[in-house]
Amino acid sequence: MSKKKDEIKQPVTEPVKDPSSNTHENAEPSTKVEAEVIDFDAVYSEKEKQCLELQDRLLRTMAEYDNFRKRTLKEKASMYDDGVRDTLERLLPVADNLERALGTAADQEDTLYKGLEMTYRQFVEILQSLGVEALPSVGSVFDPNIHNAVSHIDKEDAGENEIVAEFQKGYKYRDKVLRPAMVQVAN
């Protein structure tokens, strides 16, 4: 109950002044009211200006945050791709060695050869599932963006700038070259 009594405001009574007194306050009451209205308008326009400035700052901050979020997502995806690409580049020599081992085997009916061939096929399938593709080489036209010409040969039955031999396979990952193919080109 005491809270309600505190909340109820008591009317403020001003002391009654003698109307016959000639003070400045009694002489011009309308001037004082107009001054307050003018002050209110100035305060209102200042607050409105502050509100617009804060709204502008809020919109700019929201735009900056949105740009930051997009840039962070793009950087994260780029870092992931860079990590995968780096790992794949380190694994490519393993594929090369498995392929060389298969090429030097004398007995293709040997169980060791068959096990090595299965391992190589599984390794190639894993690379393909990750998005790694072998670059075209023998029989295709030389492209300096994806091939590295290590030798030239004059061969009449080959076309101009045709690749006639591949010394090391080239690979690409998501349209970016991991390693260019080392090839021999016919002139």
N, C-alpha and C. Protein backbone atom coordinates (compact mmCIF):
# COMPACT_ATOMS: atom_id res chain seq x y z
N MET A 1 0.81 -1.19 0.00
CA MET A 1 0.00 0.00 0.00
C MET A 1 0.85 1.26 0.00
N SER A 2 1.96 1.21 0.67
CA SER A 2 2.80 2.40 0.74
C SER A 2 3.36 2.76 -0.63
N LYS A 3 3.54 1.76 -1.50
CA LYS A 3 4.04 2.03 -2.85
C LYS A 3 3.03 2.87 -3.63
N LYS A 4 1.76 2.56 -3.49
CA LYS A 4 0.74 3.31 -4.21
C LYS A 4 0.70 4.75 -3.74
N LYS A 5 0.91 4.97 -2.48
CA LYS A 5 0.90 6.33 -1.99
C LYS A 5 2.07 7.11 -2.57
N ASP A 6 3.23 6.43 -2.70
CA ASP A 6 4.40 7.10 -3.25
C ASP A 6 4.20 7.39 -4.73
N GLU A 7 3.50 6.51 -5.43
CA GLU A 7 3.30 6.68 -6.85
C GLU A 7 2.31 7.79 -7.17
N ILE A 8 1.36 8.00 -6.32
CA ILE A 8 0.37 9.05 -6.55
C ILE A 8 1.02 10.39 -6.26
N LYS A 9 1.00 11.25 -7.27
CA LYS A 9 1.65 12.55 -7.10
C LYS A 9 0.65 13.53 -6.50
N GLN A 10 1.14 14.25 -5.59
CA GLN A 10 0.32 15.27 -4.95
C GLN A 10 0.33 16.53 -5.82
N PRO A 11 -0.78 17.19 -5.97
CA PRO A 11 -0.80 18.41 -6.80
C PRO A 11 0.08 19.48 -6.16
N VAL A 12 0.84 20.09 -7.04
CA VAL A 12 1.74 21.14 -6.59
C VAL A 12 0.96 22.44 -6.61
N THR A 13 0.99 23.09 -5.49
CA THR A 13 0.30 24.39 -5.41
C THR A 13 1.34 25.48 -5.38
N GLU A 14 1.14 26.43 -6.27
CA GLU A 14 2.06 27.57 -6.30
C GLU A 14 1.49 28.67 -5.42
N PRO A 15 2.37 29.40 -4.83
CA PRO A 15 1.87 30.50 -3.98
C PRO A 15 1.14 31.54 -4.83
N VAL A 16 0.08 31.99 -4.32
CA VAL A 16 -0.74 32.98 -5.03
C VAL A 16 -0.04 34.32 -4.94
N LYS A 17 0.08 34.95 -6.10
CA LYS A 17 0.76 36.25 -6.14
C LYS A 17 -0.27 37.36 -6.25
N ASP A 18 0.14 38.41 -5.79
CA ASP A 18 -0.73 39.57 -5.81
C ASP A 18 -0.82 40.10 -7.24
N PRO A 19 -2.04 40.15 -7.82
CA PRO A 19 -2.16 40.61 -9.20
C PRO A 19 -1.80 42.07 -9.38
N SER A 20 -1.78 42.79 -8.35
CA SER A 20 -1.45 44.20 -8.48
C SER A 20 0.05 44.44 -8.57
N SER A 21 0.83 43.42 -8.25
CA SER A 21 2.28 43.60 -8.33
C SER A 21 2.67 43.64 -9.81
N ASN A 22 3.66 44.42 -10.10
CA ASN A 22 4.07 44.65 -11.48
C ASN A 22 5.42 43.98 -11.75
N THR A 23 5.46 42.68 -11.66
CA THR A 23 6.72 41.97 -11.89
C THR A 23 6.79 41.56 -13.36
N HIS A 24 7.96 41.21 -13.78
CA HIS A 24 8.19 40.81 -15.18
C HIS A 24 7.43 39.53 -15.52
N GLU A 25 7.34 38.60 -14.58
CA GLU A 25 6.66 37.34 -14.84
C GLU A 25 5.18 37.55 -15.11
N ASN A 26 4.56 38.47 -14.40
CA ASN A 26 3.13 38.71 -14.59
C ASN A 26 2.87 39.59 -15.79
N ALA A 27 3.82 40.36 -16.22
CA ALA A 27 3.60 41.30 -17.30
C ALA A 27 3.52 40.60 -18.65
N GLU A 28 4.37 39.60 -18.91
CA GLU A 28 4.41 38.97 -20.23
C GLU A 28 4.37 37.44 -20.13
N PRO A 29 3.27 36.85 -19.79
CA PRO A 29 3.22 35.40 -19.70
C PRO A 29 3.29 34.73 -21.08
N SER A 30 2.80 35.31 -22.14
CA SER A 30 2.80 34.68 -23.45
C SER A 30 4.22 34.59 -24.03
N THR A 31 5.10 35.50 -23.71
CA THR A 31 6.47 35.48 -24.21
C THR A 31 7.21 34.27 -23.66
N LYS A 32 6.99 33.96 -22.41
CA LYS A 32 7.65 32.82 -21.79
C LYS A 32 7.20 31.52 -22.45
N VAL A 33 5.94 31.37 -22.77
CA VAL A 33 5.41 30.17 -23.40
C VAL A 33 5.98 30.04 -24.81
N GLU A 34 6.06 31.11 -25.56
CA GLU A 34 6.62 31.06 -26.91
C GLU A 34 8.08 30.66 -26.89
N ALA A 35 8.82 31.13 -25.93
CA ALA A 35 10.23 30.78 -25.82
C ALA A 35 10.38 29.28 -25.58
N GLU A 36 9.49 28.72 -24.79
CA GLU A 36 9.54 27.29 -24.54
C GLU A 36 9.21 26.51 -25.81
N VAL A 37 8.29 26.94 -26.62
CA VAL A 37 7.92 26.29 -27.86
C VAL A 37 9.10 26.34 -28.83
N ILE A 38 9.74 27.47 -28.93
CA ILE A 38 10.90 27.61 -29.80
C ILE A 38 12.01 26.67 -29.33
N ASP A 39 12.24 26.57 -28.07
CA ASP A 39 13.23 25.65 -27.53
C ASP A 39 12.84 24.20 -27.82
N PHE A 40 11.55 23.90 -27.72
CA PHE A 40 11.08 22.55 -27.99
C PHE A 40 11.33 22.19 -29.46
N ASP A 41 11.06 23.11 -30.35
CA ASP A 41 11.30 22.85 -31.77
C ASP A 41 12.78 22.62 -32.03
N ALA A 42 13.64 23.38 -31.40
CA ALA A 42 15.09 23.22 -31.60
C ALA A 42 15.55 21.87 -31.05
N VAL A 43 15.04 21.51 -29.88
CA VAL A 43 15.39 20.22 -29.30
C VAL A 43 14.87 19.09 -30.17
N TYR A 44 13.66 19.25 -30.67
CA TYR A 44 13.08 18.22 -31.53
C TYR A 44 13.91 18.04 -32.81
N SER A 45 14.27 19.12 -33.44
CA SER A 45 15.05 19.01 -34.68
C SER A 45 16.44 18.42 -34.40
N GLU A 46 17.03 18.77 -33.27
CA GLU A 46 18.35 18.20 -32.90
C GLU A 46 18.23 16.70 -32.65
N LYS A 47 17.19 16.29 -31.95
CA LYS A 47 16.99 14.86 -31.68
C LYS A 47 16.68 14.10 -32.97
N GLU A 48 15.93 14.72 -33.86
CA GLU A 48 15.64 14.09 -35.14
C GLU A 48 16.93 13.93 -35.96
N LYS A 49 17.79 14.92 -35.91
CA LYS A 49 19.08 14.85 -36.60
C LYS A 49 19.93 13.73 -36.00
N GLN A 50 19.97 13.64 -34.69
CA GLN A 50 20.73 12.57 -34.02
C GLN A 50 20.16 11.19 -34.38
N CYS A 51 18.86 11.10 -34.44
CA CYS A 51 18.21 9.84 -34.79
C CYS A 51 18.59 9.41 -36.21
N LEU A 52 18.59 10.34 -37.15
CA LEU A 52 18.97 10.03 -38.53
C LEU A 52 20.44 9.62 -38.61
N GLU A 53 21.30 10.29 -37.85
CA GLU A 53 22.72 9.93 -37.82
C GLU A 53 22.92 8.52 -37.27
N LEU A 54 22.21 8.20 -36.19
CA LEU A 54 22.31 6.87 -35.60
C LEU A 54 21.76 5.81 -36.54
N GLN A 55 20.69 6.12 -37.23
CA GLN A 55 20.13 5.18 -38.19
C GLN A 55 21.11 4.93 -39.33
N ASP A 56 21.76 5.98 -39.80
CA ASP A 56 22.77 5.85 -40.85
C ASP A 56 23.94 5.00 -40.37
N ARG A 57 24.40 5.25 -39.15
CA ARG A 57 25.50 4.45 -38.58
C ARG A 57 25.10 2.98 -38.45
N LEU A 58 23.86 2.74 -38.03
CA LEU A 58 23.38 1.37 -37.89
C LEU A 58 23.36 0.66 -39.25
N LEU A 59 22.85 1.33 -40.27
CA LEU A 59 22.81 0.73 -41.60
C LEU A 59 24.22 0.45 -42.12
N ARG A 60 25.14 1.37 -41.90
CA ARG A 60 26.52 1.16 -42.34
C ARG A 60 27.17 0.00 -41.58
N THR A 61 26.92 -0.07 -40.29
CA THR A 61 27.48 -1.17 -39.48
C THR A 61 26.91 -2.51 -39.93
N MET A 62 25.63 -2.54 -40.22
CA MET A 62 25.02 -3.79 -40.69
C MET A 62 25.61 -4.20 -42.04
N ALA A 63 25.84 -3.24 -42.92
CA ALA A 63 26.44 -3.54 -44.23
C ALA A 63 27.87 -4.03 -44.06
N GLU A 64 28.63 -3.39 -43.17
CA GLU A 64 30.00 -3.82 -42.91
C GLU A 64 30.03 -5.24 -42.35
N TYR A 65 29.12 -5.54 -41.44
CA TYR A 65 29.06 -6.88 -40.87
C TYR A 65 28.72 -7.92 -41.94
N ASP A 66 27.77 -7.58 -42.80
CA ASP A 66 27.39 -8.51 -43.87
C ASP A 66 28.58 -8.75 -44.80
N ASN A 67 29.30 -7.69 -45.16
CA ASN A 67 30.49 -7.84 -46.00
C ASN A 67 31.56 -8.67 -45.29
N PHE A 68 31.74 -8.44 -44.00
CA PHE A 68 32.72 -9.21 -43.21
C PHE A 68 32.35 -10.68 -43.19
N ARG A 69 31.07 -10.98 -43.01
CA ARG A 69 30.61 -12.37 -42.97
C ARG A 69 30.85 -13.05 -44.32
N LYS A 70 30.52 -12.38 -45.41
CA LYS A 70 30.74 -12.96 -46.74
C LYS A 70 32.22 -13.17 -47.01
N ARG A 71 33.03 -12.17 -46.64
CA ARG A 71 34.48 -12.28 -46.86
C ARG A 71 35.07 -13.42 -46.04
N THR A 72 34.60 -13.59 -44.82
CA THR A 72 35.09 -14.67 -43.95
C THR A 72 34.72 -16.03 -44.53
N LEU A 73 33.50 -16.17 -45.02
CA LEU A 73 33.09 -17.45 -45.64
C LEU A 73 33.94 -17.75 -46.87
N LYS A 74 34.19 -16.72 -47.67
CA LYS A 74 35.01 -16.92 -48.87
C LYS A 74 36.44 -17.30 -48.50
N GLU A 75 37.00 -16.65 -47.48
CA GLU A 75 38.36 -16.97 -47.04
C GLU A 75 38.43 -18.38 -46.47
N LYS A 76 37.40 -18.78 -45.74
CA LYS A 76 37.38 -20.13 -45.16
C LYS A 76 37.35 -21.18 -46.26
N ALA A 77 36.51 -20.96 -47.28
CA ALA A 77 36.44 -21.90 -48.40
C ALA A 77 37.77 -21.93 -49.15
N SER A 78 38.38 -20.77 -49.31
CA SER A 78 39.67 -20.70 -49.99
C SER A 78 40.75 -21.44 -49.21
N MET A 79 40.76 -21.28 -47.89
CA MET A 79 41.75 -21.98 -47.06
C MET A 79 41.54 -23.49 -47.15
N TYR A 80 40.30 -23.94 -47.18
CA TYR A 80 40.01 -25.37 -47.30
C TYR A 80 40.54 -25.88 -48.63
N ASP A 81 40.22 -25.17 -49.72
CA ASP A 81 40.71 -25.59 -51.04
C ASP A 81 42.23 -25.60 -51.10
N ASP A 82 42.86 -24.60 -50.51
CA ASP A 82 44.33 -24.57 -50.49
C ASP A 82 44.90 -25.76 -49.74
N GLY A 83 44.29 -26.12 -48.62
CA GLY A 83 44.74 -27.28 -47.84
C GLY A 83 44.57 -28.57 -48.60
N VAL A 84 43.42 -28.73 -49.25
CA VAL A 84 43.18 -29.94 -50.04
C VAL A 84 44.17 -30.00 -51.20
N ARG A 85 44.35 -28.87 -51.88
CA ARG A 85 45.27 -28.84 -53.02
C ARG A 85 46.70 -29.19 -52.59
N ASP A 86 47.13 -28.64 -51.46
CA ASP A 86 48.47 -28.93 -50.95
C ASP A 86 48.63 -30.42 -50.63
N THR A 87 47.62 -30.99 -50.00
CA THR A 87 47.65 -32.42 -49.66
C THR A 87 47.69 -33.28 -50.91
N LEU A 88 46.87 -32.92 -51.88
CA LEU A 88 46.83 -33.69 -53.12
C LEU A 88 48.16 -33.61 -53.87
N GLU A 89 48.78 -32.45 -53.88
CA GLU A 89 50.09 -32.30 -54.53
C GLU A 89 51.13 -33.22 -53.88
N ARG A 90 51.02 -33.40 -52.59
CA ARG A 90 51.97 -34.28 -51.88
C ARG A 90 51.68 -35.75 -52.12
N LEU A 91 50.44 -36.08 -52.48
CA LEU A 91 50.07 -37.48 -52.73
C LEU A 91 50.34 -37.93 -54.17
N LEU A 92 50.47 -36.99 -55.08
CA LEU A 92 50.67 -37.35 -56.49
C LEU A 92 51.92 -38.19 -56.73
N PRO A 93 53.05 -37.95 -56.06
CA PRO A 93 54.20 -38.84 -56.26
C PRO A 93 53.92 -40.30 -55.89
N VAL A 94 53.02 -40.53 -54.96
CA VAL A 94 52.64 -41.90 -54.61
C VAL A 94 51.95 -42.56 -55.80
N ALA A 95 51.06 -41.84 -56.45
CA ALA A 95 50.39 -42.38 -57.64
C ALA A 95 51.42 -42.65 -58.73
N ASP A 96 52.39 -41.75 -58.89
CA ASP A 96 53.44 -41.94 -59.90
C ASP A 96 54.24 -43.21 -59.61
N ASN A 97 54.62 -43.40 -58.37
CA ASN A 97 55.42 -44.58 -58.00
C ASN A 97 54.63 -45.88 -58.18
N LEU A 98 53.36 -45.87 -57.84
CA LEU A 98 52.54 -47.06 -58.06
C LEU A 98 52.44 -47.37 -59.56
N GLU A 99 52.28 -46.34 -60.36
CA GLU A 99 52.19 -46.53 -61.81
C GLU A 99 53.51 -47.06 -62.38
N ARG A 100 54.63 -46.52 -61.90
CA ARG A 100 55.94 -47.01 -62.35
C ARG A 100 56.15 -48.47 -61.95
N ALA A 101 55.75 -48.81 -60.74
CA ALA A 101 55.90 -50.19 -60.27
C ALA A 101 55.09 -51.14 -61.14
N LEU A 102 53.90 -50.71 -61.53
CA LEU A 102 53.07 -51.55 -62.41
C LEU A 102 53.71 -51.68 -63.79
N GLY A 103 54.35 -50.63 -64.24
CA GLY A 103 54.98 -50.66 -65.56
C GLY A 103 56.22 -51.52 -65.63
N THR A 104 56.89 -51.75 -64.52
CA THR A 104 58.12 -52.54 -64.51
C THR A 104 57.89 -54.00 -64.17
N ALA A 105 56.69 -54.35 -63.80
CA ALA A 105 56.42 -55.74 -63.41
C ALA A 105 56.51 -56.66 -64.63
N ALA A 106 57.19 -57.78 -64.45
CA ALA A 106 57.37 -58.74 -65.54
C ALA A 106 56.20 -59.72 -65.62
N ASP A 107 55.71 -60.16 -64.49
CA ASP A 107 54.66 -61.17 -64.46
C ASP A 107 53.36 -60.52 -63.98
N GLN A 108 52.42 -60.32 -64.91
CA GLN A 108 51.15 -59.68 -64.55
C GLN A 108 50.18 -60.66 -63.89
N GLU A 109 50.50 -61.92 -63.83
CA GLU A 109 49.66 -62.91 -63.16
C GLU A 109 50.10 -63.11 -61.70
N ASP A 110 51.17 -62.49 -61.33
CA ASP A 110 51.68 -62.61 -59.97
C ASP A 110 50.72 -61.91 -58.99
N THR A 111 50.57 -62.47 -57.80
CA THR A 111 49.66 -61.89 -56.80
C THR A 111 50.16 -60.53 -56.32
N LEU A 112 51.45 -60.35 -56.29
CA LEU A 112 51.99 -59.05 -55.89
C LEU A 112 51.60 -57.98 -56.90
N TYR A 113 51.69 -58.31 -58.17
CA TYR A 113 51.28 -57.37 -59.22
C TYR A 113 49.79 -57.04 -59.10
N LYS A 114 48.97 -58.06 -58.90
CA LYS A 114 47.52 -57.85 -58.79
C LYS A 114 47.17 -56.99 -57.57
N GLY A 115 47.86 -57.22 -56.47
CA GLY A 115 47.64 -56.40 -55.27
C GLY A 115 48.06 -54.96 -55.51
N LEU A 116 49.17 -54.78 -56.18
CA LEU A 116 49.66 -53.44 -56.51
C LEU A 116 48.69 -52.74 -57.46
N GLU A 117 48.15 -53.48 -58.42
CA GLU A 117 47.20 -52.91 -59.37
C GLU A 117 45.90 -52.49 -58.67
N MET A 118 45.44 -53.32 -57.74
CA MET A 118 44.23 -52.98 -56.99
C MET A 118 44.46 -51.74 -56.13
N THR A 119 45.63 -51.64 -55.52
CA THR A 119 45.97 -50.47 -54.71
C THR A 119 46.00 -49.22 -55.57
N TYR A 120 46.62 -49.33 -56.75
CA TYR A 120 46.69 -48.18 -57.67
C TYR A 120 45.29 -47.76 -58.11
N ARG A 121 44.44 -48.70 -58.49
CA ARG A 121 43.08 -48.38 -58.92
C ARG A 121 42.29 -47.71 -57.79
N GLN A 122 42.44 -48.21 -56.57
CA GLN A 122 41.74 -47.63 -55.43
C GLN A 122 42.23 -46.21 -55.17
N PHE A 123 43.53 -46.00 -55.30
CA PHE A 123 44.10 -44.67 -55.09
C PHE A 123 43.57 -43.69 -56.14
N VAL A 124 43.50 -44.13 -57.39
CA VAL A 124 42.98 -43.28 -58.47
C VAL A 124 41.51 -42.98 -58.25
N GLU A 125 40.73 -43.95 -57.79
CA GLU A 125 39.31 -43.73 -57.51
C GLU A 125 39.12 -42.71 -56.39
N ILE A 126 39.95 -42.77 -55.38
CA ILE A 126 39.87 -41.80 -54.28
C ILE A 126 40.19 -40.41 -54.81
N LEU A 127 41.22 -40.29 -55.62
CA LEU A 127 41.56 -38.99 -56.20
C LEU A 127 40.40 -38.46 -57.04
N GLN A 128 39.79 -39.31 -57.83
CA GLN A 128 38.66 -38.89 -58.66
C GLN A 128 37.47 -38.47 -57.81
N SER A 129 37.22 -39.16 -56.71
CA SER A 129 36.10 -38.79 -55.84
C SER A 129 36.33 -37.44 -55.18
N LEU A 130 37.58 -37.05 -55.03
CA LEU A 130 37.91 -35.74 -54.46
C LEU A 130 37.88 -34.63 -55.51
N GLY A 131 37.70 -35.01 -56.77
CA GLY A 131 37.63 -34.00 -57.83
C GLY A 131 38.92 -33.85 -58.62
N VAL A 132 39.85 -34.77 -58.47
CA VAL A 132 41.11 -34.72 -59.20
C VAL A 132 40.94 -35.46 -60.52
N GLU A 133 41.39 -34.81 -61.60
CA GLU A 133 41.30 -35.41 -62.93
C GLU A 133 42.67 -35.39 -63.58
N ALA A 134 42.96 -36.43 -64.35
CA ALA A 134 44.20 -36.47 -65.11
C ALA A 134 44.05 -35.55 -66.32
N LEU A 135 45.12 -34.84 -66.65
CA LEU A 135 45.10 -33.95 -67.81
C LEU A 135 45.32 -34.76 -69.09
N PRO A 136 44.68 -34.37 -70.19
CA PRO A 136 44.90 -35.08 -71.45
C PRO A 136 46.32 -34.85 -71.94
N SER A 137 46.90 -35.88 -72.54
CA SER A 137 48.28 -35.70 -73.01
C SER A 137 48.48 -36.32 -74.37
N VAL A 138 48.92 -37.56 -74.46
CA VAL A 138 49.31 -38.18 -75.74
C VAL A 138 48.15 -38.11 -76.73
N GLY A 139 48.46 -37.55 -77.91
CA GLY A 139 47.46 -37.42 -78.96
C GLY A 139 46.76 -36.08 -78.96
N SER A 140 46.87 -35.32 -77.91
CA SER A 140 46.20 -34.02 -77.87
C SER A 140 47.18 -32.91 -78.27
N VAL A 141 46.66 -31.72 -78.48
CA VAL A 141 47.47 -30.58 -78.86
C VAL A 141 48.10 -29.98 -77.61
N PHE A 142 49.37 -29.57 -77.74
CA PHE A 142 50.11 -28.99 -76.62
C PHE A 142 49.45 -27.69 -76.16
N ASP A 143 49.22 -27.58 -74.86
CA ASP A 143 48.68 -26.37 -74.24
C ASP A 143 49.63 -25.97 -73.12
N PRO A 144 50.30 -24.82 -73.24
CA PRO A 144 51.28 -24.43 -72.23
C PRO A 144 50.68 -24.19 -70.84
N ASN A 145 49.37 -24.04 -70.75
CA ASN A 145 48.72 -23.84 -69.45
C ASN A 145 48.62 -25.13 -68.65
N ILE A 146 48.60 -26.27 -69.35
CA ILE A 146 48.45 -27.55 -68.64
C ILE A 146 49.56 -28.54 -68.93
N HIS A 147 50.44 -28.21 -69.87
CA HIS A 147 51.54 -29.11 -70.23
C HIS A 147 52.88 -28.42 -70.04
N ASN A 148 53.88 -29.22 -69.75
CA ASN A 148 55.25 -28.74 -69.65
C ASN A 148 56.07 -29.54 -70.67
N ALA A 149 56.47 -28.86 -71.73
CA ALA A 149 57.22 -29.55 -72.80
C ALA A 149 58.68 -29.67 -72.37
N VAL A 150 59.15 -30.90 -72.22
CA VAL A 150 60.54 -31.12 -71.82
C VAL A 150 61.41 -31.53 -72.99
N SER A 151 60.77 -31.90 -74.12
CA SER A 151 61.56 -32.19 -75.32
C SER A 151 60.69 -32.04 -76.56
N HIS A 152 61.38 -31.84 -77.70
CA HIS A 152 60.71 -31.72 -79.00
C HIS A 152 61.29 -32.79 -79.92
N ILE A 153 60.45 -33.25 -80.82
CA ILE A 153 60.88 -34.28 -81.76
C ILE A 153 60.25 -33.98 -83.12
N ASP A 154 60.99 -34.27 -84.16
CA ASP A 154 60.44 -34.15 -85.51
C ASP A 154 59.84 -35.50 -85.90
N LYS A 155 58.57 -35.51 -86.11
CA LYS A 155 57.87 -36.75 -86.44
C LYS A 155 56.87 -36.43 -87.55
N GLU A 156 57.02 -37.08 -88.68
CA GLU A 156 56.20 -36.76 -89.84
C GLU A 156 54.74 -37.20 -89.69
N ASP A 157 54.50 -38.30 -89.00
CA ASP A 157 53.12 -38.78 -88.88
C ASP A 157 52.34 -38.07 -87.77
N ALA A 158 52.99 -37.18 -87.01
CA ALA A 158 52.32 -36.42 -85.93
C ALA A 158 51.98 -35.02 -86.45
N GLY A 159 50.91 -34.47 -85.93
CA GLY A 159 50.48 -33.12 -86.32
C GLY A 159 51.33 -32.04 -85.65
N GLU A 160 51.03 -30.81 -86.01
CA GLU A 160 51.75 -29.66 -85.46
C GLU A 160 51.43 -29.51 -83.97
N ASN A 161 52.45 -29.42 -83.14
CA ASN A 161 52.33 -29.27 -81.68
C ASN A 161 51.52 -30.40 -81.03
N GLU A 162 51.60 -31.57 -81.60
CA GLU A 162 50.90 -32.72 -81.03
C GLU A 162 51.81 -33.39 -79.99
N ILE A 163 51.21 -33.82 -78.92
CA ILE A 163 51.95 -34.51 -77.86
C ILE A 163 52.11 -35.97 -78.27
N VAL A 164 53.38 -36.43 -78.30
CA VAL A 164 53.65 -37.80 -78.73
C VAL A 164 54.07 -38.71 -77.58
N ALA A 165 54.51 -38.14 -76.47
CA ALA A 165 54.91 -38.96 -75.32
C ALA A 165 54.64 -38.20 -74.02
N GLU A 166 54.34 -38.97 -72.98
CA GLU A 166 54.10 -38.38 -71.66
C GLU A 166 55.11 -38.98 -70.69
N PHE A 167 55.87 -38.11 -70.03
CA PHE A 167 56.87 -38.59 -69.07
C PHE A 167 56.32 -38.60 -67.64
N GLN A 168 55.42 -37.68 -67.36
CA GLN A 168 54.79 -37.62 -66.03
C GLN A 168 53.38 -37.08 -66.21
N LYS A 169 52.42 -37.76 -65.60
CA LYS A 169 51.03 -37.34 -65.73
C LYS A 169 50.81 -35.99 -65.05
N GLY A 170 49.90 -35.25 -65.65
CA GLY A 170 49.47 -33.99 -65.06
C GLY A 170 48.08 -34.14 -64.47
N TYR A 171 47.78 -33.36 -63.45
CA TYR A 171 46.48 -33.46 -62.79
C TYR A 171 45.92 -32.07 -62.53
N LYS A 172 44.59 -32.01 -62.49
CA LYS A 172 43.93 -30.75 -62.12
C LYS A 172 42.91 -31.05 -61.03
N TYR A 173 42.66 -30.03 -60.21
CA TYR A 173 41.69 -30.13 -59.12
C TYR A 173 40.76 -28.94 -59.23
N ARG A 174 39.50 -29.19 -59.50
CA ARG A 174 38.49 -28.14 -59.62
C ARG A 174 38.95 -27.03 -60.58
N ASP A 175 39.27 -27.38 -61.76
CA ASP A 175 39.67 -26.46 -62.82
C ASP A 175 40.97 -25.71 -62.55
N LYS A 176 41.74 -26.13 -61.58
CA LYS A 176 43.07 -25.56 -61.34
C LYS A 176 44.10 -26.67 -61.48
N VAL A 177 45.18 -26.34 -62.15
CA VAL A 177 46.22 -27.34 -62.40
C VAL A 177 47.00 -27.60 -61.11
N LEU A 178 47.01 -28.88 -60.69
CA LEU A 178 47.83 -29.28 -59.55
C LEU A 178 49.29 -29.43 -59.98
N ARG A 179 49.42 -30.11 -61.11
CA ARG A 179 50.76 -30.35 -61.65
C ARG A 179 50.62 -30.48 -63.16
N PRO A 180 51.41 -29.70 -63.92
CA PRO A 180 51.33 -29.85 -65.38
C PRO A 180 51.96 -31.17 -65.83
N ALA A 181 51.47 -31.68 -66.94
CA ALA A 181 52.00 -32.94 -67.49
C ALA A 181 53.34 -32.66 -68.17
N MET A 182 54.32 -33.50 -67.91
CA MET A 182 55.62 -33.40 -68.58
C MET A 182 55.53 -34.23 -69.85
N VAL A 183 55.67 -33.55 -71.03
CA VAL A 183 55.40 -34.21 -72.30
C VAL A 183 56.49 -33.93 -73.33
N GLN A 184 56.43 -34.74 -74.39
CA GLN A 184 57.28 -34.55 -75.56
C GLN A 184 56.37 -34.12 -76.70
N VAL A 185 56.77 -33.03 -77.37
CA VAL A 185 55.93 -32.43 -78.40
C VAL A 185 56.59 -32.61 -79.76
N ALA A 186 55.76 -32.91 -80.77
CA ALA A 186 56.24 -33.04 -82.15
C ALA A 186 56.07 -31.71 -82.87
N ASN A 187 57.10 -31.34 -83.67
CA ASN A 187 57.02 -30.09 -84.44
C ASN A 187 56.68 -30.39 -85.89
